[in-house]
């Protein structure tokens, strides 16, 4: 039954592998950004999973509580989510500019047009 206790790690590994596969195998820039976003989400799940303490309580001093969860991993991931959303927005805006300049979002076609100039 240990499998049922560690499902969040397996989900994180699955999302990381799918995201990596999408980034490597696809030539469409929008799909590559979606793959990077999936990979990033898997890292978030992994860090949040490692920050949980069994039997831990929120870090507020109360009577009778001896184990506390560390809030630092959750705060860091919250900051990483904000940064991830911002970088994804910038990447998508760059894809829009690439589409305006080259007329396509396929990586191979952009490279062919660059080599012909």
PDB file of N, CA and C in Angstrom:
ATOM      1  N   UNK A   1       0.805  -1.196   0.000  1.00  0.00           N
ATOM      2  CA  UNK A   1       0.000   0.000   0.000  1.00  0.00           C
ATOM      3  C   UNK A   1       0.851   1.264   0.000  1.00  0.00           C
ATOM      4  N   UNK A   2       2.155   1.090  -0.071  1.00  0.00           N
ATOM      5  CA  UNK A   2       3.038   2.257  -0.109  1.00  0.00           C
ATOM      6  C   UNK A   2       2.801   3.069  -1.376  1.00  0.00           C
ATOM      7  N   UNK A   3       2.309   2.404  -2.435  1.00  0.00           N
ATOM      8  CA  UNK A   3       2.017   3.088  -3.692  1.00  0.00           C
ATOM      9  C   UNK A   3       0.995   4.195  -3.481  1.00  0.00           C
ATOM     10  N   UNK A   4      -0.002   3.951  -2.647  1.00  0.00           N
ATOM     11  CA  UNK A   4      -1.048   4.940  -2.415  1.00  0.00           C
ATOM     12  C   UNK A   4      -0.550   6.128  -1.602  1.00  0.00           C
ATOM     13  N   UNK A   5       0.524   5.943  -0.865  1.00  0.00           N
ATOM     14  CA  UNK A   5       1.046   7.031  -0.061  1.00  0.00           C
ATOM     15  C   UNK A   5       1.945   7.969  -0.857  1.00  0.00           C
ATOM     16  N   UNK A   6       2.498   7.497  -1.953  1.00  0.00           N
ATOM     17  CA  UNK A   6       3.460   8.295  -2.716  1.00  0.00           C
ATOM     18  C   UNK A   6       2.937   8.702  -4.094  1.00  0.00           C
ATOM     19  N   UNK A   7       1.632   8.745  -4.264  1.00  0.00           N
ATOM     20  CA  UNK A   7       1.090   9.054  -5.579  1.00  0.00           C
ATOM     21  C   UNK A   7       1.440  10.451  -6.053  1.00  0.00           C
ATOM     22  N   UNK A   8       1.617  11.408  -5.156  1.00  0.00           N
ATOM     23  CA  UNK A   8       1.945  12.765  -5.576  1.00  0.00           C
ATOM     24  C   UNK A   8       3.329  12.846  -6.219  1.00  0.00           C
ATOM     25  N   UNK A   9       4.266  12.016  -5.760  1.00  0.00           N
ATOM     26  CA  UNK A   9       5.584  11.990  -6.389  1.00  0.00           C
ATOM     27  C   UNK A   9       5.500  11.365  -7.785  1.00  0.00           C
ATOM     28  N   UNK A  10       4.680  10.350  -7.908  1.00  0.00           N
ATOM     29  CA  UNK A  10       4.516   9.709  -9.213  1.00  0.00           C
ATOM     30  C   UNK A  10       3.822  10.639 -10.204  1.00  0.00           C
ATOM     31  N   UNK A  11       2.879  11.425  -9.738  1.00  0.00           N
ATOM     32  CA  UNK A  11       2.237  12.420 -10.597  1.00  0.00           C
ATOM     33  C   UNK A  11       3.258  13.462 -11.038  1.00  0.00           C
ATOM     34  N   UNK A  12       4.116  13.893 -10.125  1.00  0.00           N
ATOM     35  CA  UNK A  12       5.145  14.881 -10.467  1.00  0.00           C
ATOM     36  C   UNK A  12       6.109  14.325 -11.513  1.00  0.00           C
ATOM     37  N   UNK A  13       6.511  13.063 -11.351  1.00  0.00           N
ATOM     38  CA  UNK A  13       7.422  12.447 -12.327  1.00  0.00           C
ATOM     39  C   UNK A  13       6.735  12.299 -13.675  1.00  0.00           C
ATOM     40  N   UNK A  14       5.468  11.880 -13.668  1.00  0.00           N
ATOM     41  CA  UNK A  14       4.721  11.739 -14.913  1.00  0.00           C
ATOM     42  C   UNK A  14       4.588  13.076 -15.643  1.00  0.00           C
ATOM     43  N   UNK A  15       4.227  14.137 -14.917  1.00  0.00           N
ATOM     44  CA  UNK A  15       4.105  15.456 -15.541  1.00  0.00           C
ATOM     45  C   UNK A  15       5.448  15.948 -16.082  1.00  0.00           C
ATOM     46  N   UNK A  16       6.527  15.677 -15.360  1.00  0.00           N
ATOM     47  CA  UNK A  16       7.851  16.094 -15.819  1.00  0.00           C
ATOM     48  C   UNK A  16       8.227  15.377 -17.113  1.00  0.00           C
ATOM     49  N   UNK A  17       7.973  14.083 -17.186  1.00  0.00           N
ATOM     50  CA  UNK A  17       8.321  13.320 -18.391  1.00  0.00           C
ATOM     51  C   UNK A  17       7.463  13.730 -19.584  1.00  0.00           C
ATOM     52  N   UNK A  18       6.168  13.970 -19.358  1.00  0.00           N
ATOM     53  CA  UNK A  18       5.298  14.408 -20.452  1.00  0.00           C
ATOM     54  C   UNK A  18       5.709  15.799 -20.929  1.00  0.00           C
ATOM     55  N   UNK A  19       5.997  16.696 -19.986  1.00  0.00           N
ATOM     56  CA  UNK A  19       6.427  18.042 -20.361  1.00  0.00           C
ATOM     57  C   UNK A  19       7.740  18.031 -21.123  1.00  0.00           C
ATOM     58  N   UNK A  20       8.686  17.222 -20.673  1.00  0.00           N
ATOM     59  CA  UNK A  20       9.971  17.114 -21.365  1.00  0.00           C
ATOM     60  C   UNK A  20       9.787  16.528 -22.766  1.00  0.00           C
ATOM     61  N   UNK A  21       8.930  15.515 -22.882  1.00  0.00           N
ATOM     62  CA  UNK A  21       8.669  14.913 -24.188  1.00  0.00           C
ATOM     63  C   UNK A  21       8.056  15.924 -25.150  1.00  0.00           C
ATOM     64  N   UNK A  22       7.122  16.721 -24.670  1.00  0.00           N
ATOM     65  CA  UNK A  22       6.492  17.729 -25.534  1.00  0.00           C
ATOM     66  C   UNK A  22       7.520  18.754 -25.995  1.00  0.00           C
ATOM     67  N   UNK A  23       8.390  19.184 -25.101  1.00  0.00           N
ATOM     68  CA  UNK A  23       9.400  20.184 -25.472  1.00  0.00           C
ATOM     69  C   UNK A  23      10.355  19.628 -26.528  1.00  0.00           C
ATOM     70  N   UNK A  24      10.762  18.379 -26.362  1.00  0.00           N
ATOM     71  CA  UNK A  24      11.758  17.799 -27.264  1.00  0.00           C
ATOM     72  C   UNK A  24      11.142  17.375 -28.595  1.00  0.00           C
ATOM     73  N   UNK A  25       9.930  16.855 -28.583  1.00  0.00           N
ATOM     74  CA  UNK A  25       9.387  16.231 -29.791  1.00  0.00           C
ATOM     75  C   UNK A  25       8.593  17.179 -30.676  1.00  0.00           C
ATOM     76  N   UNK A  26       8.117  18.266 -30.193  1.00  0.00           N
ATOM     77  CA  UNK A  26       7.256  19.152 -30.978  1.00  0.00           C
ATOM     78  C   UNK A  26       8.042  20.311 -31.555  1.00  0.00           C
ATOM     79  N   UNK A  27       7.625  20.751 -32.739  1.00  0.00           N
ATOM     80  CA  UNK A  27       8.266  21.889 -33.380  1.00  0.00           C
ATOM     81  C   UNK A  27       7.472  23.166 -33.237  1.00  0.00           C
ATOM     82  N   UNK A  28       6.222  23.055 -32.795  1.00  0.00           N
ATOM     83  CA  UNK A  28       5.364  24.218 -32.622  1.00  0.00           C
ATOM     84  C   UNK A  28       5.781  24.941 -31.345  1.00  0.00           C
ATOM     85  N   UNK A  29       6.020  26.239 -31.454  1.00  0.00           N
ATOM     86  CA  UNK A  29       6.526  27.002 -30.310  1.00  0.00           C
ATOM     87  C   UNK A  29       5.501  27.109 -29.186  1.00  0.00           C
ATOM     88  N   UNK A  30       4.231  27.183 -29.523  1.00  0.00           N
ATOM     89  CA  UNK A  30       3.200  27.255 -28.485  1.00  0.00           C
ATOM     90  C   UNK A  30       3.156  25.935 -27.709  1.00  0.00           C
ATOM     91  N   UNK A  31       3.289  24.825 -28.409  1.00  0.00           N
ATOM     92  CA  UNK A  31       3.310  23.527 -27.729  1.00  0.00           C
ATOM     93  C   UNK A  31       4.540  23.388 -26.851  1.00  0.00           C
ATOM     94  N   UNK A  32       5.657  23.942 -27.288  1.00  0.00           N
ATOM     95  CA  UNK A  32       6.865  23.906 -26.464  1.00  0.00           C
ATOM     96  C   UNK A  32       6.663  24.694 -25.168  1.00  0.00           C
ATOM     97  N   UNK A  33       6.004  25.823 -25.257  1.00  0.00           N
ATOM     98  CA  UNK A  33       5.732  26.618 -24.059  1.00  0.00           C
ATOM     99  C   UNK A  33       4.783  25.863 -23.133  1.00  0.00           C
ATOM    100  N   UNK A  34       3.793  25.187 -23.697  1.00  0.00           N
ATOM    101  CA  UNK A  34       2.879  24.387 -22.876  1.00  0.00           C
ATOM    102  C   UNK A  34       3.634  23.250 -22.190  1.00  0.00           C
ATOM    103  N   UNK A  35       4.581  22.623 -22.893  1.00  0.00           N
ATOM    104  CA  UNK A  35       5.394  21.568 -22.295  1.00  0.00           C
ATOM    105  C   UNK A  35       6.258  22.086 -21.160  1.00  0.00           C
ATOM    106  N   UNK A  36       6.837  23.265 -21.351  1.00  0.00           N
ATOM    107  CA  UNK A  36       7.632  23.865 -20.276  1.00  0.00           C
ATOM    108  C   UNK A  36       6.761  24.184 -19.065  1.00  0.00           C
ATOM    109  N   UNK A  37       5.547  24.617 -19.315  1.00  0.00           N
ATOM    110  CA  UNK A  37       4.625  24.913 -18.228  1.00  0.00           C
ATOM    111  C   UNK A  37       4.260  23.639 -17.461  1.00  0.00           C
ATOM    112  N   UNK A  38       4.059  22.535 -18.188  1.00  0.00           N
ATOM    113  CA  UNK A  38       3.791  21.258 -17.521  1.00  0.00           C
ATOM    114  C   UNK A  38       4.987  20.815 -16.678  1.00  0.00           C
ATOM    115  N   UNK A  39       6.179  20.965 -17.223  1.00  0.00           N
ATOM    116  CA  UNK A  39       7.393  20.599 -16.490  1.00  0.00           C
ATOM    117  C   UNK A  39       7.517  21.444 -15.224  1.00  0.00           C
ATOM    118  N   UNK A  40       7.228  22.727 -15.363  1.00  0.00           N
ATOM    119  CA  UNK A  40       7.311  23.633 -14.229  1.00  0.00           C
ATOM    120  C   UNK A  40       6.284  23.253 -13.153  1.00  0.00           C
ATOM    121  N   UNK A  41       5.103  22.869 -13.568  1.00  0.00           N
ATOM    122  CA  UNK A  41       4.074  22.445 -12.625  1.00  0.00           C
ATOM    123  C   UNK A  41       4.510  21.190 -11.867  1.00  0.00           C
ATOM    124  N   UNK A  42       5.203  20.293 -12.552  1.00  0.00           N
ATOM    125  CA  UNK A  42       5.679  19.086 -11.866  1.00  0.00           C
ATOM    126  C   UNK A  42       6.694  19.437 -10.780  1.00  0.00           C
ATOM    127  N   UNK A  43       7.520  20.422 -11.030  1.00  0.00           N
ATOM    128  CA  UNK A  43       8.483  20.852 -10.007  1.00  0.00           C
ATOM    129  C   UNK A  43       7.749  21.469  -8.817  1.00  0.00           C
ATOM    130  N   UNK A  44       6.695  22.223  -9.089  1.00  0.00           N
ATOM    131  CA  UNK A  44       5.905  22.795  -7.998  1.00  0.00           C
ATOM    132  C   UNK A  44       5.306  21.698  -7.128  1.00  0.00           C
ATOM    133  N   UNK A  45       4.720  20.693  -7.761  1.00  0.00           N
ATOM    134  CA  UNK A  45       4.115  19.583  -7.018  1.00  0.00           C
ATOM    135  C   UNK A  45       5.172  18.857  -6.195  1.00  0.00           C
ATOM    136  N   UNK A  46       6.344  18.662  -6.772  1.00  0.00           N
ATOM    137  CA  UNK A  46       7.413  17.964  -6.065  1.00  0.00           C
ATOM    138  C   UNK A  46       7.855  18.733  -4.816  1.00  0.00           C
ATOM    139  N   UNK A  47       8.083  20.029  -4.951  1.00  0.00           N
ATOM    140  CA  UNK A  47       8.533  20.814  -3.804  1.00  0.00           C
ATOM    141  C   UNK A  47       7.460  20.915  -2.729  1.00  0.00           C
ATOM    142  N   UNK A  48       6.206  21.087  -3.131  1.00  0.00           N
ATOM    143  CA  UNK A  48       5.133  21.154  -2.141  1.00  0.00           C
ATOM    144  C   UNK A  48       5.005  19.820  -1.416  1.00  0.00           C
ATOM    145  N   UNK A  49       5.151  18.715  -2.147  1.00  0.00           N
ATOM    146  CA  UNK A  49       5.062  17.390  -1.524  1.00  0.00           C
ATOM    147  C   UNK A  49       6.181  17.171  -0.512  1.00  0.00           C
ATOM    148  N   UNK A  50       7.356  17.659  -0.814  1.00  0.00           N
ATOM    149  CA  UNK A  50       8.466  17.477   0.118  1.00  0.00           C
ATOM    150  C   UNK A  50       8.348  18.387   1.338  1.00  0.00           C
ATOM    151  N   UNK A  51       7.577  19.449   1.233  1.00  0.00           N
ATOM    152  CA  UNK A  51       7.445  20.380   2.354  1.00  0.00           C
ATOM    153  C   UNK A  51       6.413  19.970   3.383  1.00  0.00           C
ATOM    154  N   UNK A  52       5.665  18.908   3.118  1.00  0.00           N
ATOM    155  CA  UNK A  52       4.628  18.468   4.049  1.00  0.00           C
ATOM    156  C   UNK A  52       5.246  17.583   5.122  1.00  0.00           C
ATOM    157  N   UNK A  53       4.857  17.808   6.365  1.00  0.00           N
ATOM    158  CA  UNK A  53       5.331  17.014   7.499  1.00  0.00           C
ATOM    159  C   UNK A  53       4.151  16.191   8.016  1.00  0.00           C
ATOM    160  N   UNK A  54       4.336  14.875   8.141  1.00  0.00           N
ATOM    161  CA  UNK A  54       3.275  14.021   8.678  1.00  0.00           C
ATOM    162  C   UNK A  54       2.980  14.401  10.123  1.00  0.00           C
ATOM    163  N   UNK A  55       1.735  14.689  10.396  1.00  0.00           N
ATOM    164  CA  UNK A  55       1.345  15.060  11.751  1.00  0.00           C
ATOM    165  C   UNK A  55       1.722  16.473  12.118  1.00  0.00           C
ATOM    166  N   UNK A  56       2.202  17.242  11.175  1.00  0.00           N
ATOM    167  CA  UNK A  56       2.608  18.611  11.452  1.00  0.00           C
ATOM    168  C   UNK A  56       1.422  19.557  11.434  1.00  0.00           C
ATOM    169  N   UNK A  57       1.557  20.631  12.142  1.00  0.00           N
ATOM    170  CA  UNK A  57       0.520  21.644  12.230  1.00  0.00           C
ATOM    171  C   UNK A  57       1.040  22.939  11.616  1.00  0.00           C
ATOM    172  N   UNK A  58       0.142  23.877  11.423  1.00  0.00           N
ATOM    173  CA  UNK A  58       0.573  25.178  10.921  1.00  0.00           C
ATOM    174  C   UNK A  58       1.479  25.822  11.963  1.00  0.00           C
ATOM    175  N   UNK A  59       2.438  26.634  11.534  1.00  0.00           N
ATOM    176  CA  UNK A  59       3.423  27.169  12.490  1.00  0.00           C
ATOM    177  C   UNK A  59       2.875  28.335  13.320  1.00  0.00           C
ATOM    178  N   UNK A  60       1.827  28.027  14.095  1.00  0.00           N
ATOM    179  CA  UNK A  60       1.279  28.995  15.045  1.00  0.00           C
ATOM    180  C   UNK A  60       1.404  28.351  16.425  1.00  0.00           C
ATOM    181  N   UNK A  61       2.008  29.061  17.339  1.00  0.00           N
ATOM    182  CA  UNK A  61       2.246  28.494  18.669  1.00  0.00           C
ATOM    183  C   UNK A  61       0.924  28.276  19.393  1.00  0.00           C
ATOM    184  N   UNK A  62       0.598  27.009  19.584  1.00  0.00           N
ATOM    185  CA  UNK A  62      -0.590  26.643  20.350  1.00  0.00           C
ATOM    186  C   UNK A  62      -0.207  25.573  21.360  1.00  0.00           C
ATOM    187  N   UNK A  63      -1.024  25.415  22.344  1.00  0.00           N
ATOM    188  CA  UNK A  63      -0.732  24.466  23.410  1.00  0.00           C
ATOM    189  C   UNK A  63      -0.946  23.036  22.933  1.00  0.00           C
ATOM    190  N   UNK A  64       0.005  22.171  23.215  1.00  0.00           N
ATOM    191  CA  UNK A  64      -0.116  20.763  22.894  1.00  0.00           C
ATOM    192  C   UNK A  64       0.418  20.367  21.527  1.00  0.00           C
ATOM    193  N   UNK A  65       0.852  21.294  20.734  1.00  0.00           N
ATOM    194  CA  UNK A  65       1.378  20.979  19.399  1.00  0.00           C
ATOM    195  C   UNK A  65       2.894  20.988  19.467  1.00  0.00           C
ATOM    196  N   UNK A  66       3.504  19.880  19.017  1.00  0.00           N
ATOM    197  CA  UNK A  66       4.964  19.788  19.074  1.00  0.00           C
ATOM    198  C   UNK A  66       5.604  19.710  17.693  1.00  0.00           C
ATOM    199  N   UNK A  67       4.843  19.325  16.661  1.00  0.00           N
ATOM    200  CA  UNK A  67       5.393  19.225  15.300  1.00  0.00           C
ATOM    201  C   UNK A  67       4.761  20.293  14.424  1.00  0.00           C
ATOM    202  N   UNK A  68       5.612  21.033  13.762  1.00  0.00           N
ATOM    203  CA  UNK A  68       5.145  22.096  12.877  1.00  0.00           C
ATOM    204  C   UNK A  68       5.636  21.849  11.462  1.00  0.00           C
ATOM    205  N   UNK A  69       4.833  22.246  10.482  1.00  0.00           N
ATOM    206  CA  UNK A  69       5.257  22.207   9.081  1.00  0.00           C
ATOM    207  C   UNK A  69       6.006  23.492   8.766  1.00  0.00           C
ATOM    208  N   UNK A  70       7.017  23.367   7.943  1.00  0.00           N
ATOM    209  CA  UNK A  70       7.792  24.527   7.534  1.00  0.00           C
ATOM    210  C   UNK A  70       7.050  25.230   6.390  1.00  0.00           C
ATOM    211  N   UNK A  71       6.686  26.499   6.530  1.00  0.00           N
ATOM    212  CA  UNK A  71       5.959  27.187   5.463  1.00  0.00           C
ATOM    213  C   UNK A  71       6.864  27.688   4.339  1.00  0.00           C
ATOM    214  N   UNK A  72       8.170  27.624   4.509  1.00  0.00           N
ATOM    215  CA  UNK A  72       9.080  28.179   3.512  1.00  0.00           C
ATOM    216  C   UNK A  72       8.933  27.549   2.122  1.00  0.00           C
ATOM    217  N   UNK A  73       8.847  26.220   1.975  1.00  0.00           N
ATOM    218  CA  UNK A  73       8.681  25.665   0.624  1.00  0.00           C
ATOM    219  C   UNK A  73       7.415  26.159  -0.075  1.00  0.00           C
ATOM    220  N   UNK A  74       6.336  26.310   0.676  1.00  0.00           N
ATOM    221  CA  UNK A  74       5.086  26.765   0.087  1.00  0.00           C
ATOM    222  C   UNK A  74       5.183  28.225  -0.350  1.00  0.00           C
ATOM    223  N   UNK A  75       5.858  29.029   0.447  1.00  0.00           N
ATOM    224  CA  UNK A  75       6.041  30.443   0.085  1.00  0.00           C
ATOM    225  C   UNK A  75       6.925  30.563  -1.147  1.00  0.00           C
ATOM    226  N   UNK A  76       7.991  29.767  -1.200  1.00  0.00           N
ATOM    227  CA  UNK A  76       8.876  29.813  -2.363  1.00  0.00           C
ATOM    228  C   UNK A  76       8.153  29.370  -3.636  1.00  0.00           C
ATOM    229  N   UNK A  77       7.302  28.359  -3.532  1.00  0.00           N
ATOM    230  CA  UNK A  77       6.566  27.893  -4.702  1.00  0.00           C
ATOM    231  C   UNK A  77       5.533  28.923  -5.125  1.00  0.00           C
ATOM    232  N   UNK A  78       4.925  29.609  -4.175  1.00  0.00           N
ATOM    233  CA  UNK A  78       3.992  30.682  -4.534  1.00  0.00           C
ATOM    234  C   UNK A  78       4.708  31.764  -5.335  1.00  0.00           C
ATOM    235  N   UNK A  79       5.902  32.108  -4.921  1.00  0.00           N
ATOM    236  CA  UNK A  79       6.702  33.075  -5.674  1.00  0.00           C
ATOM    237  C   UNK A  79       7.081  32.517  -7.042  1.00  0.00           C
ATOM    238  N   UNK A  80       7.429  31.246  -7.098  1.00  0.00           N
ATOM    239  CA  UNK A  80       7.790  30.628  -8.378  1.00  0.00           C
ATOM    240  C   UNK A  80       6.598  30.571  -9.334  1.00  0.00           C
ATOM    241  N   UNK A  81       5.402  30.382  -8.804  1.00  0.00           N
ATOM    242  CA  UNK A  81       4.212  30.380  -9.661  1.00  0.00           C
ATOM    243  C   UNK A  81       4.017  31.741 -10.299  1.00  0.00           C
ATOM    244  N   UNK A  82       4.196  32.803  -9.526  1.00  0.00           N
ATOM    245  CA  UNK A  82       4.047  34.156 -10.069  1.00  0.00           C
ATOM    246  C   UNK A  82       5.099  34.415 -11.147  1.00  0.00           C
ATOM    247  N   UNK A  83       6.331  34.024 -10.887  1.00  0.00           N
ATOM    248  CA  UNK A  83       7.397  34.198 -11.875  1.00  0.00           C
ATOM    249  C   UNK A  83       7.124  33.346 -13.115  1.00  0.00           C
ATOM    250  N   UNK A  84       6.630  32.127 -12.918  1.00  0.00           N
ATOM    251  CA  UNK A  84       6.315  31.240 -14.038  1.00  0.00           C
ATOM    252  C   UNK A  84       5.220  31.790 -14.928  1.00  0.00           C
ATOM    253  N   UNK A  85       4.186  32.359 -14.333  1.00  0.00           N
ATOM    254  CA  UNK A  85       3.110  32.963 -15.123  1.00  0.00           C
ATOM    255  C   UNK A  85       3.640  34.147 -15.927  1.00  0.00           C
ATOM    256  N   UNK A  86       4.485  34.945 -15.310  1.00  0.00           N
ATOM    257  CA  UNK A  86       5.049  36.106 -16.013  1.00  0.00           C
ATOM    258  C   UNK A  86       5.946  35.681 -17.172  1.00  0.00           C
ATOM    259  N   UNK A  87       6.791  34.686 -16.956  1.00  0.00           N
ATOM    260  CA  UNK A  87       7.678  34.251 -18.039  1.00  0.00           C
ATOM    261  C   UNK A  87       6.897  33.548 -19.154  1.00  0.00           C
ATOM    262  N   UNK A  88       5.837  32.844 -18.796  1.00  0.00           N
ATOM    263  CA  UNK A  88       4.990  32.238 -19.826  1.00  0.00           C
ATOM    264  C   UNK A  88       4.309  33.302 -20.658  1.00  0.00           C
ATOM    265  N   UNK A  89       3.863  34.366 -20.021  1.00  0.00           N
ATOM    266  CA  UNK A  89       3.245  35.471 -20.757  1.00  0.00           C
ATOM    267  C   UNK A  89       4.242  36.136 -21.702  1.00  0.00           C
ATOM    268  N   UNK A  90       5.462  36.327 -21.238  1.00  0.00           N
ATOM    269  CA  UNK A  90       6.495  36.913 -22.102  1.00  0.00           C
ATOM    270  C   UNK A  90       6.812  35.980 -23.267  1.00  0.00           C
ATOM    271  N   UNK A  91       6.909  34.685 -22.996  1.00  0.00           N
ATOM    272  CA  UNK A  91       7.194  33.717 -24.058  1.00  0.00           C
ATOM    273  C   UNK A  91       6.078  33.701 -25.097  1.00  0.00           C
ATOM    274  N   UNK A  92       4.838  33.736 -24.653  1.00  0.00           N
ATOM    275  CA  UNK A  92       3.728  33.750 -25.605  1.00  0.00           C
ATOM    276  C   UNK A  92       3.692  35.039 -26.413  1.00  0.00           C
ATOM    277  N   UNK A  93       4.067  36.158 -25.802  1.00  0.00           N
ATOM    278  CA  UNK A  93       4.125  37.406 -26.564  1.00  0.00           C
ATOM    279  C   UNK A  93       5.255  37.357 -27.602  1.00  0.00           C
ATOM    280  N   UNK A  94       6.366  36.691 -27.264  1.00  0.00           N
ATOM    281  CA  UNK A  94       7.436  36.516 -28.244  1.00  0.00           C
ATOM    282  C   UNK A  94       6.991  35.622 -29.405  1.00  0.00           C
ATOM    283  N   UNK A  95       6.193  34.610 -29.110  1.00  0.00           N
ATOM    284  CA  UNK A  95       5.667  33.744 -30.168  1.00  0.00           C
ATOM    285  C   UNK A  95       4.742  34.534 -31.084  1.00  0.00           C
ATOM    286  N   UNK A  96       3.964  35.442 -30.516  1.00  0.00           N
ATOM    287  CA  UNK A  96       3.109  36.293 -31.344  1.00  0.00           C
ATOM    288  C   UNK A  96       3.958  37.147 -32.273  1.00  0.00           C
ATOM    289  N   UNK A  97       5.034  37.715 -31.766  1.00  0.00           N
ATOM    290  CA  UNK A  97       5.928  38.539 -32.602  1.00  0.00           C
ATOM    291  C   UNK A  97       6.617  37.685 -33.669  1.00  0.00           C
ATOM    292  N   UNK A  98       7.011  36.466 -33.324  1.00  0.00           N
ATOM    293  CA  UNK A  98       7.617  35.562 -34.307  1.00  0.00           C
ATOM    294  C   UNK A  98       6.608  35.237 -35.398  1.00  0.00           C
ATOM    295  N   UNK A  99       5.366  35.011 -35.008  1.00  0.00           N
ATOM    296  CA  UNK A  99       4.323  34.724 -35.987  1.00  0.00           C
ATOM    297  C   UNK A  99       4.087  35.911 -36.906  1.00  0.00           C
ATOM    298  N   UNK A 100       4.139  37.116 -36.381  1.00  0.00           N
ATOM    299  CA  UNK A 100       3.976  38.312 -37.216  1.00  0.00           C
ATOM    300  C   UNK A 100       5.152  38.479 -38.169  1.00  0.00           C
ATOM    301  N   UNK A 101       6.356  38.173 -37.708  1.00  0.00           N
ATOM    302  CA  UNK A 101       7.547  38.376 -38.538  1.00  0.00           C
ATOM    303  C   UNK A 101       7.728  37.282 -39.584  1.00  0.00           C
ATOM    304  N   UNK A 102       7.441  36.030 -39.231  1.00  0.00           N
ATOM    305  CA  UNK A 102       7.725  34.906 -40.119  1.00  0.00           C
ATOM    306  C   UNK A 102       6.486  34.258 -40.707  1.00  0.00           C
ATOM    307  N   UNK A 103       5.325  34.559 -40.139  1.00  0.00           N
ATOM    308  CA  UNK A 103       4.101  33.967 -40.651  1.00  0.00           C
ATOM    309  C   UNK A 103       3.874  32.535 -40.198  1.00  0.00           C
ATOM    310  N   UNK A 104       4.633  32.051 -39.246  1.00  0.00           N
ATOM    311  CA  UNK A 104       4.492  30.692 -38.742  1.00  0.00           C
ATOM    312  C   UNK A 104       5.026  30.611 -37.323  1.00  0.00           C
ATOM    313  N   UNK A 105       4.587  29.573 -36.602  1.00  0.00           N
ATOM    314  CA  UNK A 105       5.124  29.322 -35.266  1.00  0.00           C
ATOM    315  C   UNK A 105       5.845  27.985 -35.217  1.00  0.00           C
ATOM    316  N   UNK A 106       6.074  27.384 -36.375  1.00  0.00           N
ATOM    317  CA  UNK A 106       6.821  26.134 -36.454  1.00  0.00           C
ATOM    318  C   UNK A 106       8.315  26.443 -36.461  1.00  0.00           C
ATOM    319  N   UNK A 107       9.049  25.792 -35.588  1.00  0.00           N
ATOM    320  CA  UNK A 107      10.471  26.082 -35.405  1.00  0.00           C
ATOM    321  C   UNK A 107      11.285  25.817 -36.677  1.00  0.00           C
ATOM    322  N   UNK A 108      11.008  24.714 -37.357  1.00  0.00           N
ATOM    323  CA  UNK A 108      11.761  24.371 -38.568  1.00  0.00           C
ATOM    324  C   UNK A 108      11.562  25.403 -39.668  1.00  0.00           C
ATOM    325  N   UNK A 109      10.332  25.871 -39.841  1.00  0.00           N
ATOM    326  CA  UNK A 109      10.051  26.871 -40.879  1.00  0.00           C
ATOM    327  C   UNK A 109      10.711  28.209 -40.567  1.00  0.00           C
ATOM    328  N   UNK A 110      10.779  28.567 -39.292  1.00  0.00           N
ATOM    329  CA  UNK A 110      11.454  29.810 -38.903  1.00  0.00           C
ATOM    330  C   UNK A 110      12.941  29.698 -39.216  1.00  0.00           C
ATOM    331  N   UNK A 111      13.564  28.538 -38.905  1.00  0.00           N
ATOM    332  CA  UNK A 111      14.985  28.346 -39.199  1.00  0.00           C
ATOM    333  C   UNK A 111      15.244  28.361 -40.710  1.00  0.00           C
ATOM    334  N   UNK A 112      14.359  27.782 -41.509  1.00  0.00           N
ATOM    335  CA  UNK A 112      14.523  27.790 -42.977  1.00  0.00           C
ATOM    336  C   UNK A 112      14.469  29.207 -43.500  1.00  0.00           C
ATOM    337  N   UNK A 113      13.553  29.998 -43.001  1.00  0.00           N
ATOM    338  CA  UNK A 113      13.460  31.388 -43.468  1.00  0.00           C
ATOM    339  C   UNK A 113      14.666  32.194 -43.038  1.00  0.00           C
ATOM    340  N   UNK A 114      15.233  31.921 -41.879  1.00  0.00           N
ATOM    341  CA  UNK A 114      16.437  32.612 -41.431  1.00  0.00           C
ATOM    342  C   UNK A 114      17.644  32.244 -42.300  1.00  0.00           C
ATOM    343  N   UNK A 115      17.757  30.972 -42.667  1.00  0.00           N
ATOM    344  CA  UNK A 115      18.895  30.525 -43.467  1.00  0.00           C
ATOM    345  C   UNK A 115      18.826  31.048 -44.887  1.00  0.00           C
ATOM    346  N   UNK A 116      17.632  31.309 -45.391  1.00  0.00           N
ATOM    347  CA  UNK A 116      17.519  31.777 -46.776  1.00  0.00           C
ATOM    348  C   UNK A 116      17.896  33.233 -46.934  1.00  0.00           C
ATOM    349  N   UNK A 117      17.955  33.985 -45.821  1.00  0.00           N
ATOM    350  CA  UNK A 117      18.347  35.399 -45.930  1.00  0.00           C
ATOM    351  C   UNK A 117      19.784  35.585 -45.859  1.00  0.00           C
TER     352      UNK A 117
END
